[in-house]
Amino acid sequence: MEDAFKARLNLYETTMGSFMLAIAYAQKGDWQRALFHIRHAVIEDGAYLEKSLRVIAFASQVELEVRHGNLAEAKCAFHQLRTIDSPSALGESKAAKMIATIDATLSNPKPLVTSATLATHPLLESAAVWRHQMLRPKFSFAEINGEVKSFRLACVGGSQEASVNLKTQWNVPSQSGRCLLRVEGETGATFRLIEEHIKVALLSGCGKLWSRTPKTSISTLQRRL
């Protein structure tokens, strides 16, 4: 079905196609492709979907972002959901419960540990990457399986690049603003990202920050380096 995107389609058609594919892939348990497509379906705040579908799309995005360990992105999707349909974001809703769990996780002083898998974009020829909006100012890598080559940390206030290794703990420079981590390597390679130092929380927010995608799950455990 993704071959249909090679035809000349307008934004209403492509976002609707992505919405349908996101739901289909989620039902199959292909969370990675589901996230790629739901993110495309809600471009421009879901402006190209009917309102009833926007509600489903943003609720689905919350769950998919959480599955991939993208806590900042999940909170942004929840904000959009609450804006367009506040009853869908009430305390007893599935999305609201997920956000409550995220808030508790972010306020916990233990390190944030996010499991990641490098993946290519299903519709574009691209390198295998994983992207993550940073939540804390110190980070390191653990449990690398496969070839995880390098990372680029792109912040509002600057950027840095380095090869990935298991020994180094990197610091996000103060006053950097929002930061996006882009890790590159072999398709299917996995690792864990450990973020630390809750006392200096990074600036977060919604809106464009050089975005795109992943595969994952979040837990909190002590760093073992």
C-alpha atoms as a PDB file:
ATOM      1  CA  MET A   1       0.000   0.000   0.000  1.00  0.00           C
ATOM      2  CA  GLU A   2       2.952   2.324   0.590  1.00  0.00           C
ATOM      3  CA  ASP A   3       3.630   2.172  -3.155  1.00  0.00           C
ATOM      4  CA  ALA A   4       0.600   4.444  -3.599  1.00  0.00           C
ATOM      5  CA  PHE A   5       2.673   7.307  -2.193  1.00  0.00           C
ATOM      6  CA  LYS A   6       4.761   7.246  -5.387  1.00  0.00           C
ATOM      7  CA  ALA A   7       1.755   8.615  -7.311  1.00  0.00           C
ATOM      8  CA  ARG A   8       0.965  12.324  -7.535  1.00  0.00           C
ATOM      9  CA  LEU A   9      -1.215  12.856  -4.473  1.00  0.00           C
ATOM     10  CA  ASN A  10      -2.211  16.002  -2.629  1.00  0.00           C
ATOM     11  CA  LEU A  11      -1.694  16.508   1.092  1.00  0.00           C
ATOM     12  CA  TYR A  12      -5.243  15.492   1.964  1.00  0.00           C
ATOM     13  CA  GLU A  13      -4.734  12.178   0.163  1.00  0.00           C
ATOM     14  CA  THR A  14      -1.287  11.432   1.548  1.00  0.00           C
ATOM     15  CA  THR A  15      -2.184  12.264   5.149  1.00  0.00           C
ATOM     16  CA  MET A  16      -5.327  10.135   4.915  1.00  0.00           C
ATOM     17  CA  GLY A  17      -3.227   7.326   3.458  1.00  0.00           C
ATOM     18  CA  SER A  18      -0.732   7.653   6.298  1.00  0.00           C
ATOM     19  CA  PHE A  19      -3.527   7.655   8.866  1.00  0.00           C
ATOM     20  CA  MET A  20      -4.914   4.390   7.476  1.00  0.00           C
ATOM     21  CA  LEU A  21      -1.457   2.820   7.313  1.00  0.00           C
ATOM     22  CA  ALA A  22      -0.658   3.892  10.869  1.00  0.00           C
ATOM     23  CA  ILE A  23      -3.783   2.168  12.169  1.00  0.00           C
ATOM     24  CA  ALA A  24      -3.085  -0.937  10.072  1.00  0.00           C
ATOM     25  CA  TYR A  25       0.547  -1.224  11.172  1.00  0.00           C
ATOM     26  CA  ALA A  26      -0.410  -0.690  14.817  1.00  0.00           C
ATOM     27  CA  GLN A  27      -2.906  -3.536  14.581  1.00  0.00           C
ATOM     28  CA  LYS A  28      -0.111  -5.734  13.182  1.00  0.00           C
ATOM     29  CA  GLY A  29       2.231  -4.697  15.978  1.00  0.00           C
ATOM     30  CA  ASP A  30       4.628  -2.906  13.632  1.00  0.00           C
ATOM     31  CA  TRP A  31       4.985   0.070  15.950  1.00  0.00           C
ATOM     32  CA  GLN A  32       7.901   1.530  14.057  1.00  0.00           C
ATOM     33  CA  ARG A  33       6.078   1.965  10.758  1.00  0.00           C
ATOM     34  CA  ALA A  34       2.926   3.001  12.592  1.00  0.00           C
ATOM     35  CA  LEU A  35       4.820   5.891  14.176  1.00  0.00           C
ATOM     36  CA  PHE A  36       6.341   7.000  10.878  1.00  0.00           C
ATOM     37  CA  HIS A  37       2.886   7.216   9.348  1.00  0.00           C
ATOM     38  CA  ILE A  38       0.970   8.746  12.250  1.00  0.00           C
ATOM     39  CA  ARG A  39       3.524  11.560  12.403  1.00  0.00           C
ATOM     40  CA  HIS A  40       2.934  12.272   8.731  1.00  0.00           C
ATOM     41  CA  ALA A  41      -0.832  12.053   9.172  1.00  0.00           C
ATOM     42  CA  VAL A  42      -0.816  14.874  11.734  1.00  0.00           C
ATOM     43  CA  ILE A  43       1.432  17.343   9.907  1.00  0.00           C
ATOM     44  CA  GLU A  44       0.396  20.972  10.347  1.00  0.00           C
ATOM     45  CA  ASP A  45      -1.419  19.986  13.566  1.00  0.00           C
ATOM     46  CA  GLY A  46      -3.609  17.521  11.695  1.00  0.00           C
ATOM     47  CA  ALA A  47      -5.049  20.222   9.435  1.00  0.00           C
ATOM     48  CA  TYR A  48      -5.480  17.819   6.497  1.00  0.00           C
ATOM     49  CA  LEU A  49      -7.588  15.301   8.435  1.00  0.00           C
ATOM     50  CA  GLU A  50     -11.236  15.591   9.393  1.00  0.00           C
ATOM     51  CA  LYS A  51     -11.722  16.578  13.041  1.00  0.00           C
ATOM     52  CA  SER A  52     -13.057  13.158  14.043  1.00  0.00           C
ATOM     53  CA  LEU A  53      -9.943  11.537  12.566  1.00  0.00           C
ATOM     54  CA  ARG A  54      -7.623  14.100  14.179  1.00  0.00           C
ATOM     55  CA  VAL A  55      -8.852  12.997  17.598  1.00  0.00           C
ATOM     56  CA  ILE A  56      -8.061   9.352  16.807  1.00  0.00           C
ATOM     57  CA  ALA A  57      -4.753  10.310  15.187  1.00  0.00           C
ATOM     58  CA  PHE A  58      -3.408  12.339  18.112  1.00  0.00           C
ATOM     59  CA  ALA A  59      -4.589   9.764  20.653  1.00  0.00           C
ATOM     60  CA  SER A  60      -2.781   7.104  18.601  1.00  0.00           C
ATOM     61  CA  GLN A  61       0.326   9.274  18.396  1.00  0.00           C
ATOM     62  CA  VAL A  62       0.451   9.619  22.177  1.00  0.00           C
ATOM     63  CA  GLU A  63       0.527   5.835  22.545  1.00  0.00           C
ATOM     64  CA  LEU A  64       3.033   5.299  19.732  1.00  0.00           C
ATOM     65  CA  GLU A  65       5.417   7.965  21.022  1.00  0.00           C
ATOM     66  CA  VAL A  66       5.269   6.381  24.487  1.00  0.00           C
ATOM     67  CA  ARG A  67       6.012   2.955  23.000  1.00  0.00           C
ATOM     68  CA  HIS A  68       9.143   4.446  21.439  1.00  0.00           C
ATOM     69  CA  GLY A  69      10.269   6.271  24.554  1.00  0.00           C
ATOM     70  CA  ASN A  70       9.573   9.699  23.051  1.00  0.00           C
ATOM     71  CA  LEU A  71       8.174  11.332  26.158  1.00  0.00           C
ATOM     72  CA  ALA A  72       8.459  14.940  24.995  1.00  0.00           C
ATOM     73  CA  GLU A  73       6.736  14.123  21.701  1.00  0.00           C
ATOM     74  CA  ALA A  74       3.989  12.221  23.530  1.00  0.00           C
ATOM     75  CA  LYS A  75       3.258  15.259  25.697  1.00  0.00           C
ATOM     76  CA  CYS A  76       3.078  17.453  22.597  1.00  0.00           C
ATOM     77  CA  ALA A  77       0.634  15.066  20.908  1.00  0.00           C
ATOM     78  CA  PHE A  78      -1.460  15.064  24.083  1.00  0.00           C
ATOM     79  CA  HIS A  79      -1.499  18.873  24.074  1.00  0.00           C
ATOM     80  CA  GLN A  80      -2.893  18.796  20.525  1.00  0.00           C
ATOM     81  CA  LEU A  81      -5.475  16.191  21.514  1.00  0.00           C
ATOM     82  CA  ARG A  82      -6.637  18.303  24.448  1.00  0.00           C
ATOM     83  CA  THR A  83      -6.817  21.397  22.226  1.00  0.00           C
ATOM     84  CA  ILE A  84      -9.079  19.856  19.597  1.00  0.00           C
ATOM     85  CA  ASP A  85     -11.216  17.634  21.864  1.00  0.00           C
ATOM     86  CA  SER A  86     -10.793  18.190  25.608  1.00  0.00           C
ATOM     87  CA  PRO A  87     -13.065  15.247  26.679  1.00  0.00           C
ATOM     88  CA  SER A  88     -10.608  12.874  24.978  1.00  0.00           C
ATOM     89  CA  ALA A  89      -7.886  14.147  27.291  1.00  0.00           C
ATOM     90  CA  LEU A  90      -9.730  13.875  30.597  1.00  0.00           C
ATOM     91  CA  GLY A  91      -8.144  12.074  33.541  1.00  0.00           C
ATOM     92  CA  GLU A  92      -9.741   8.673  32.913  1.00  0.00           C
ATOM     93  CA  SER A  93      -8.821   8.505  29.235  1.00  0.00           C
ATOM     94  CA  LYS A  94      -6.051   6.173  28.101  1.00  0.00           C
ATOM     95  CA  ALA A  95      -3.991   9.098  26.810  1.00  0.00           C
ATOM     96  CA  ALA A  96      -4.336  11.051  30.063  1.00  0.00           C
ATOM     97  CA  LYS A  97      -3.202   8.059  32.103  1.00  0.00           C
ATOM     98  CA  MET A  98      -0.137   7.711  29.864  1.00  0.00           C
ATOM     99  CA  ILE A  99       0.727  11.370  30.377  1.00  0.00           C
ATOM    100  CA  ALA A 100       0.338  11.003  34.145  1.00  0.00           C
ATOM    101  CA  THR A 101       2.847   8.145  34.001  1.00  0.00           C
ATOM    102  CA  ILE A 102       5.215  10.284  31.917  1.00  0.00           C
ATOM    103  CA  ASP A 103       4.995  13.149  34.412  1.00  0.00           C
ATOM    104  CA  ALA A 104       5.823  10.768  37.253  1.00  0.00           C
ATOM    105  CA  THR A 105       8.751   9.348  35.272  1.00  0.00           C
ATOM    106  CA  LEU A 106      10.165  12.784  34.502  1.00  0.00           C
ATOM    107  CA  SER A 107       9.943  13.887  38.127  1.00  0.00           C
ATOM    108  CA  ASN A 108      11.761  10.752  39.330  1.00  0.00           C
ATOM    109  CA  PRO A 109      15.469  11.485  40.081  1.00  0.00           C
ATOM    110  CA  LYS A 110      16.602   8.106  38.727  1.00  0.00           C
ATOM    111  CA  PRO A 111      18.226   8.025  35.274  1.00  0.00           C
ATOM    112  CA  LEU A 112      15.920   7.859  32.272  1.00  0.00           C
ATOM    113  CA  VAL A 113      16.709   4.765  30.202  1.00  0.00           C
ATOM    114  CA  THR A 114      15.315   4.564  26.685  1.00  0.00           C
ATOM    115  CA  SER A 115      15.763   1.484  24.477  1.00  0.00           C
ATOM    116  CA  ALA A 116      16.211   2.297  20.795  1.00  0.00           C
ATOM    117  CA  THR A 117      16.454   0.593  17.412  1.00  0.00           C
ATOM    118  CA  LEU A 118      17.957   2.243  14.320  1.00  0.00           C
ATOM    119  CA  ALA A 119      15.572   2.245  11.366  1.00  0.00           C
ATOM    120  CA  THR A 120      15.276   3.615   7.850  1.00  0.00           C
ATOM    121  CA  HIS A 121      12.319   5.686   6.684  1.00  0.00           C
ATOM    122  CA  PRO A 122       9.714   3.440   4.959  1.00  0.00           C
ATOM    123  CA  LEU A 123       9.059   5.957   2.177  1.00  0.00           C
ATOM    124  CA  LEU A 124      12.472   7.545   1.634  1.00  0.00           C
ATOM    125  CA  GLU A 125      15.970   6.328   0.882  1.00  0.00           C
ATOM    126  CA  SER A 126      17.819   7.294   4.026  1.00  0.00           C
ATOM    127  CA  ALA A 127      20.371   6.149   6.566  1.00  0.00           C
ATOM    128  CA  ALA A 128      19.264   4.081   9.541  1.00  0.00           C
ATOM    129  CA  VAL A 129      18.747   6.563  12.366  1.00  0.00           C
ATOM    130  CA  TRP A 130      17.018   7.124  15.687  1.00  0.00           C
ATOM    131  CA  ARG A 131      15.916  10.583  16.844  1.00  0.00           C
ATOM    132  CA  HIS A 132      15.072  11.706  20.348  1.00  0.00           C
ATOM    133  CA  GLN A 133      14.243  15.047  21.936  1.00  0.00           C
ATOM    134  CA  MET A 134      16.561  15.302  24.924  1.00  0.00           C
ATOM    135  CA  LEU A 135      15.081  15.497  28.406  1.00  0.00           C
ATOM    136  CA  ARG A 136      18.169  15.794  30.628  1.00  0.00           C
ATOM    137  CA  PRO A 137      21.626  17.395  30.180  1.00  0.00           C
ATOM    138  CA  LYS A 138      23.899  14.372  30.682  1.00  0.00           C
ATOM    139  CA  PHE A 139      23.729  11.294  28.485  1.00  0.00           C
ATOM    140  CA  SER A 140      25.579   8.090  27.648  1.00  0.00           C
ATOM    141  CA  PHE A 141      25.061   4.861  25.716  1.00  0.00           C
ATOM    142  CA  ALA A 142      24.765   1.273  26.974  1.00  0.00           C
ATOM    143  CA  GLU A 143      24.017  -2.268  25.754  1.00  0.00           C
ATOM    144  CA  ILE A 144      24.930  -1.651  22.119  1.00  0.00           C
ATOM    145  CA  ASN A 145      24.070  -4.498  19.733  1.00  0.00           C
ATOM    146  CA  GLY A 146      25.053  -4.098  16.085  1.00  0.00           C
ATOM    147  CA  GLU A 147      26.803  -1.124  14.514  1.00  0.00           C
ATOM    148  CA  VAL A 148      25.872   2.164  16.169  1.00  0.00           C
ATOM    149  CA  LYS A 149      28.302   4.596  14.558  1.00  0.00           C
ATOM    150  CA  SER A 150      27.824   8.175  15.656  1.00  0.00           C
ATOM    151  CA  PHE A 151      25.498  10.831  16.959  1.00  0.00           C
ATOM    152  CA  ARG A 152      24.713  14.462  16.269  1.00  0.00           C
ATOM    153  CA  LEU A 153      23.223  16.605  19.006  1.00  0.00           C
ATOM    154  CA  ALA A 154      21.450  19.552  17.370  1.00  0.00           C
ATOM    155  CA  CYS A 155      20.307  22.279  19.761  1.00  0.00           C
ATOM    156  CA  VAL A 156      18.819  25.709  19.306  1.00  0.00           C
ATOM    157  CA  GLY A 157      22.057  27.132  20.707  1.00  0.00           C
ATOM    158  CA  GLY A 158      24.591  24.919  18.904  1.00  0.00           C
ATOM    159  CA  SER A 159      25.493  21.343  17.987  1.00  0.00           C
ATOM    160  CA  GLN A 160      28.077  18.633  18.556  1.00  0.00           C
ATOM    161  CA  GLU A 161      28.985  15.324  16.921  1.00  0.00           C
ATOM    162  CA  ALA A 162      30.924  12.271  18.124  1.00  0.00           C
ATOM    163  CA  SER A 163      31.373   8.541  17.653  1.00  0.00           C
ATOM    164  CA  VAL A 164      29.239   6.416  19.956  1.00  0.00           C
ATOM    165  CA  ASN A 165      31.018   4.475  22.702  1.00  0.00           C
ATOM    166  CA  LEU A 166      30.175   2.857  26.032  1.00  0.00           C
ATOM    167  CA  LYS A 167      32.643   4.806  28.201  1.00  0.00           C
ATOM    168  CA  THR A 168      31.863   8.476  27.668  1.00  0.00           C
ATOM    169  CA  GLN A 169      29.207  10.559  29.349  1.00  0.00           C
ATOM    170  CA  TRP A 170      28.398  13.655  27.310  1.00  0.00           C
ATOM    171  CA  ASN A 171      27.070  16.968  28.599  1.00  0.00           C
ATOM    172  CA  VAL A 172      24.534  19.157  26.864  1.00  0.00           C
ATOM    173  CA  PRO A 173      25.983  22.696  27.115  1.00  0.00           C
ATOM    174  CA  SER A 174      24.048  25.062  29.355  1.00  0.00           C
ATOM    175  CA  GLN A 175      21.798  27.563  27.586  1.00  0.00           C
ATOM    176  CA  SER A 176      21.500  25.196  24.607  1.00  0.00           C
ATOM    177  CA  GLY A 177      17.712  25.328  24.470  1.00  0.00           C
ATOM    178  CA  ARG A 178      15.802  22.411  22.997  1.00  0.00           C
ATOM    179  CA  CYS A 179      17.999  19.609  21.652  1.00  0.00           C
ATOM    180  CA  LEU A 180      17.431  16.719  19.260  1.00  0.00           C
ATOM    181  CA  LEU A 181      19.730  13.692  19.351  1.00  0.00           C
ATOM    182  CA  ARG A 182      20.248  11.881  16.032  1.00  0.00           C
ATOM    183  CA  VAL A 183      22.011   8.507  16.230  1.00  0.00           C
ATOM    184  CA  GLU A 184      23.154   6.779  13.019  1.00  0.00           C
ATOM    185  CA  GLY A 185      24.351   3.276  12.186  1.00  0.00           C
ATOM    186  CA  GLU A 186      23.249  -0.105  10.874  1.00  0.00           C
ATOM    187  CA  THR A 187      19.584  -0.934  10.324  1.00  0.00           C
ATOM    188  CA  GLY A 188      18.288  -2.963  13.242  1.00  0.00           C
ATOM    189  CA  ALA A 189      21.134  -2.054  15.613  1.00  0.00           C
ATOM    190  CA  THR A 190      19.953  -1.470  19.179  1.00  0.00           C
ATOM    191  CA  PHE A 191      21.207   0.392  22.220  1.00  0.00           C
ATOM    192  CA  ARG A 192      20.049   2.159  25.353  1.00  0.00           C
ATOM    193  CA  LEU A 193      20.281   5.875  25.965  1.00  0.00           C
ATOM    194  CA  ILE A 194      20.765   6.947  29.580  1.00  0.00           C
ATOM    195  CA  GLU A 195      19.850  10.527  30.504  1.00  0.00           C
ATOM    196  CA  GLU A 196      20.781  11.931  33.901  1.00  0.00           C
ATOM    197  CA  HIS A 197      20.808  14.989  36.167  1.00  0.00           C
ATOM    198  CA  ILE A 198      17.214  15.941  36.873  1.00  0.00           C
ATOM    199  CA  LYS A 199      18.211  19.137  38.735  1.00  0.00           C
ATOM    200  CA  VAL A 200      18.961  20.842  35.426  1.00  0.00           C
ATOM    201  CA  ALA A 201      16.026  19.936  33.202  1.00  0.00           C
ATOM    202  CA  LEU A 202      16.383  20.767  29.523  1.00  0.00           C
ATOM    203  CA  LEU A 203      14.133  23.280  27.872  1.00  0.00           C
ATOM    204  CA  SER A 204      11.277  21.393  26.239  1.00  0.00           C
ATOM    205  CA  GLY A 205       8.396  22.399  24.052  1.00  0.00           C
ATOM    206  CA  CYS A 206       6.401  21.591  20.961  1.00  0.00           C
ATOM    207  CA  GLY A 207       6.875  22.654  17.397  1.00  0.00           C
ATOM    208  CA  LYS A 208       9.435  21.864  14.738  1.00  0.00           C
ATOM    209  CA  LEU A 209      12.955  20.973  15.843  1.00  0.00           C
ATOM    210  CA  TRP A 210      14.432  19.261  12.795  1.00  0.00           C
ATOM    211  CA  SER A 211      12.191  16.209  13.448  1.00  0.00           C
ATOM    212  CA  ARG A 212      11.595  12.621  12.180  1.00  0.00           C
ATOM    213  CA  THR A 213      11.584   8.908  13.725  1.00  0.00           C
ATOM    214  CA  PRO A 214      12.441   5.420  15.767  1.00  0.00           C
ATOM    215  CA  LYS A 215      11.476   2.124  17.707  1.00  0.00           C
ATOM    216  CA  THR A 216      11.639   1.745  21.544  1.00  0.00           C
ATOM    217  CA  SER A 217      10.353   1.486  25.202  1.00  0.00           C
ATOM    218  CA  ILE A 218      11.104   3.444  28.393  1.00  0.00           C
ATOM    219  CA  SER A 219      12.168   2.291  31.832  1.00  0.00           C
ATOM    220  CA  THR A 220      14.070   3.768  34.761  1.00  0.00           C
ATOM    221  CA  LEU A 221      17.086   1.951  36.135  1.00  0.00           C
ATOM    222  CA  GLN A 222      20.524   2.769  37.486  1.00  0.00           C
ATOM    223  CA  ARG A 223      23.318   3.262  34.985  1.00  0.00           C
ATOM    224  CA  ARG A 224      25.819   0.412  34.879  1.00  0.00           C
ATOM    225  CA  LEU A 225      29.078   1.843  33.503  1.00  0.00           C
END
